[in-house]
C-alpha atoms as a PDB file:
ATOM      1  CA  MET A   1      -9.529  -1.054  -4.497  1.00  0.00           C
ATOM      2  CA  VAL A   2      -8.448  -3.008  -1.234  1.00  0.00           C
ATOM      3  CA  LEU A   3      -5.409  -4.204  -0.641  1.00  0.00           C
ATOM      4  CA  ASP A   4      -3.875  -5.810   2.505  1.00  0.00           C
ATOM      5  CA  ILE A   5       0.051  -7.255   2.939  1.00  0.00           C
ATOM      6  CA  ASP A   6       0.266 -10.528   3.226  1.00  0.00           C
ATOM      7  CA  HIS A   7       2.378 -11.832   6.342  1.00  0.00           C
ATOM      8  CA  PHE A   8       2.694  -8.527   7.839  1.00  0.00           C
ATOM      9  CA  LYS A   9       1.818 -10.377  11.561  1.00  0.00           C
ATOM     10  CA  ASN A  10       4.590 -12.725  10.529  1.00  0.00           C
ATOM     11  CA  ILE A  11       6.902  -8.967  10.409  1.00  0.00           C
ATOM     12  CA  ASN A  12       5.532  -7.754  14.441  1.00  0.00           C
ATOM     13  CA  ASP A  13       6.055 -10.737  15.253  1.00  0.00           C
ATOM     14  CA  THR A  14       9.709 -11.638  13.972  1.00  0.00           C
ATOM     15  CA  PHE A  15      11.156  -8.359  13.911  1.00  0.00           C
ATOM     16  CA  GLY A  16       8.417  -6.308  16.559  1.00  0.00           C
ATOM     17  CA  HIS A  17       6.117  -3.525  15.639  1.00  0.00           C
ATOM     18  CA  ALA A  18       8.201  -0.815  15.509  1.00  0.00           C
ATOM     19  CA  ALA A  19       9.536  -2.739  12.116  1.00  0.00           C
ATOM     20  CA  GLY A  20       5.540  -3.268  11.267  1.00  0.00           C
ATOM     21  CA  ASP A  21       5.539   0.868  11.369  1.00  0.00           C
ATOM     22  CA  VAL A  22       7.960   1.045   8.771  1.00  0.00           C
ATOM     23  CA  VAL A  23       6.508  -0.924   6.616  1.00  0.00           C
ATOM     24  CA  LEU A  24       3.244   0.341   7.056  1.00  0.00           C
ATOM     25  CA  LYS A  25       4.275   3.564   6.810  1.00  0.00           C
ATOM     26  CA  ASP A  26       6.620   2.950   3.090  1.00  0.00           C
ATOM     27  CA  PHE A  27       3.692   0.930   1.711  1.00  0.00           C
ATOM     28  CA  SER A  28       1.378   4.084   1.978  1.00  0.00           C
ATOM     29  CA  GLY A  29       3.875   5.836   1.114  1.00  0.00           C
ATOM     30  CA  MET A  30       4.373   4.275  -2.174  1.00  0.00           C
ATOM     31  CA  LEU A  31       0.311   3.951  -2.884  1.00  0.00           C
ATOM     32  CA  LEU A  32       0.526   7.702  -2.538  1.00  0.00           C
ATOM     33  CA  SER A  33       3.447   8.316  -4.952  1.00  0.00           C
ATOM     34  CA  ILE A  34       1.356   6.008  -7.689  1.00  0.00           C
ATOM     35  CA  LEU A  35      -1.925   7.780  -6.890  1.00  0.00           C
ATOM     36  CA  ARG A  36      -3.004  10.928  -8.385  1.00  0.00           C
ATOM     37  CA  LYS A  37      -4.176  14.090  -5.745  1.00  0.00           C
ATOM     38  CA  THR A  38      -7.742  13.362  -6.411  1.00  0.00           C
ATOM     39  CA  ASP A  39      -7.281   9.912  -4.962  1.00  0.00           C
ATOM     40  CA  THR A  40      -6.995   8.904  -1.825  1.00  0.00           C
ATOM     41  CA  VAL A  41      -5.146   6.168   0.263  1.00  0.00           C
ATOM     42  CA  MET A  42      -7.035   4.868   3.622  1.00  0.00           C
ATOM     43  CA  ARG A  43      -5.818   2.508   6.023  1.00  0.00           C
ATOM     44  CA  LEU A  44      -8.791   0.492   7.720  1.00  0.00           C
ATOM     45  CA  GLY A  45      -6.687  -1.360  10.216  1.00  0.00           C
ATOM     46  CA  GLY A  46      -3.936  -3.740  10.477  1.00  0.00           C
ATOM     47  CA  ASP A  47      -2.618  -4.675   6.975  1.00  0.00           C
ATOM     48  CA  GLU A  48      -5.884  -3.181   5.183  1.00  0.00           C
ATOM     49  CA  PHE A  49      -5.734  -0.756   2.713  1.00  0.00           C
ATOM     50  CA  VAL A  50      -8.141   0.941   0.254  1.00  0.00           C
ATOM     51  CA  ILE A  51      -7.229   2.980  -2.405  1.00  0.00           C
ATOM     52  CA  MET A  52     -10.680   5.446  -3.679  1.00  0.00           C
ATOM     53  CA  MET A  53     -10.374   7.232  -7.140  1.00  0.00           C
ATOM     54  CA  THR A  54     -12.213   9.779  -8.030  1.00  0.00           C
ATOM     55  CA  ASP A  55     -13.509  11.929 -10.933  1.00  0.00           C
ATOM     56  CA  SER A  56     -14.774   9.067 -13.138  1.00  0.00           C
ATOM     57  CA  VAL A  57     -11.994   7.107 -13.300  1.00  0.00           C
ATOM     58  CA  GLU A  58     -11.748   5.100 -16.496  1.00  0.00           C
ATOM     59  CA  THR A  59     -11.166   0.981 -16.414  1.00  0.00           C
ATOM     60  CA  GLU A  60      -8.301   1.781 -18.290  1.00  0.00           C
ATOM     61  CA  HIS A  61      -6.364   3.914 -15.813  1.00  0.00           C
ATOM     62  CA  MET A  62      -7.766   1.909 -12.920  1.00  0.00           C
ATOM     63  CA  ALA A  63      -5.830  -1.162 -15.097  1.00  0.00           C
ATOM     64  CA  THR A  64      -2.878   0.782 -14.919  1.00  0.00           C
ATOM     65  CA  VAL A  65      -2.712   1.565 -11.418  1.00  0.00           C
ATOM     66  CA  ALA A  66      -3.449  -1.842 -10.333  1.00  0.00           C
ATOM     67  CA  GLN A  67      -0.556  -2.890 -12.237  1.00  0.00           C
ATOM     68  CA  LYS A  68       1.893  -0.129 -10.668  1.00  0.00           C
ATOM     69  CA  VAL A  69       0.834  -1.276  -7.639  1.00  0.00           C
ATOM     70  CA  LEU A  70       1.579  -4.879  -7.894  1.00  0.00           C
ATOM     71  CA  ALA A  71       4.651  -3.768  -9.349  1.00  0.00           C
ATOM     72  CA  ALA A  72       5.770  -1.539  -6.352  1.00  0.00           C
ATOM     73  CA  THR A  73       5.204  -4.305  -3.981  1.00  0.00           C
ATOM     74  CA  ARG A  74       7.569  -6.701  -5.740  1.00  0.00           C
ATOM     75  CA  LYS A  75      10.275  -3.988  -4.054  1.00  0.00           C
ATOM     76  CA  PRO A  76      11.543  -4.777  -0.705  1.00  0.00           C
ATOM     77  CA  ILE A  77      11.185  -2.548   2.105  1.00  0.00           C
ATOM     78  CA  ASP A  78      13.953  -2.267   4.278  1.00  0.00           C
ATOM     79  CA  ALA A  79      12.438  -2.676   7.959  1.00  0.00           C
ATOM     80  CA  SER A  80      15.502  -2.179   9.525  1.00  0.00           C
ATOM     81  CA  ARG A  81      15.256   1.592   9.924  1.00  0.00           C
END
């Protein structure tokens, strides 16, 4: 799966790069919390991430993970830390 964080540039421009770093860290942590230990999350750069699922993952499992990712991304991130 390939993901990006919508309007990430606006976060950096409005709140600063420290806030952007918090968003990136929390976003990647959220992805890791959803995936299995055998799966991999990679940041390509900027706001782009790749999820690589291994071990002969079935389509149903991939769809379930995608739904969990979408649900998790609807939760706000407090970037004021």
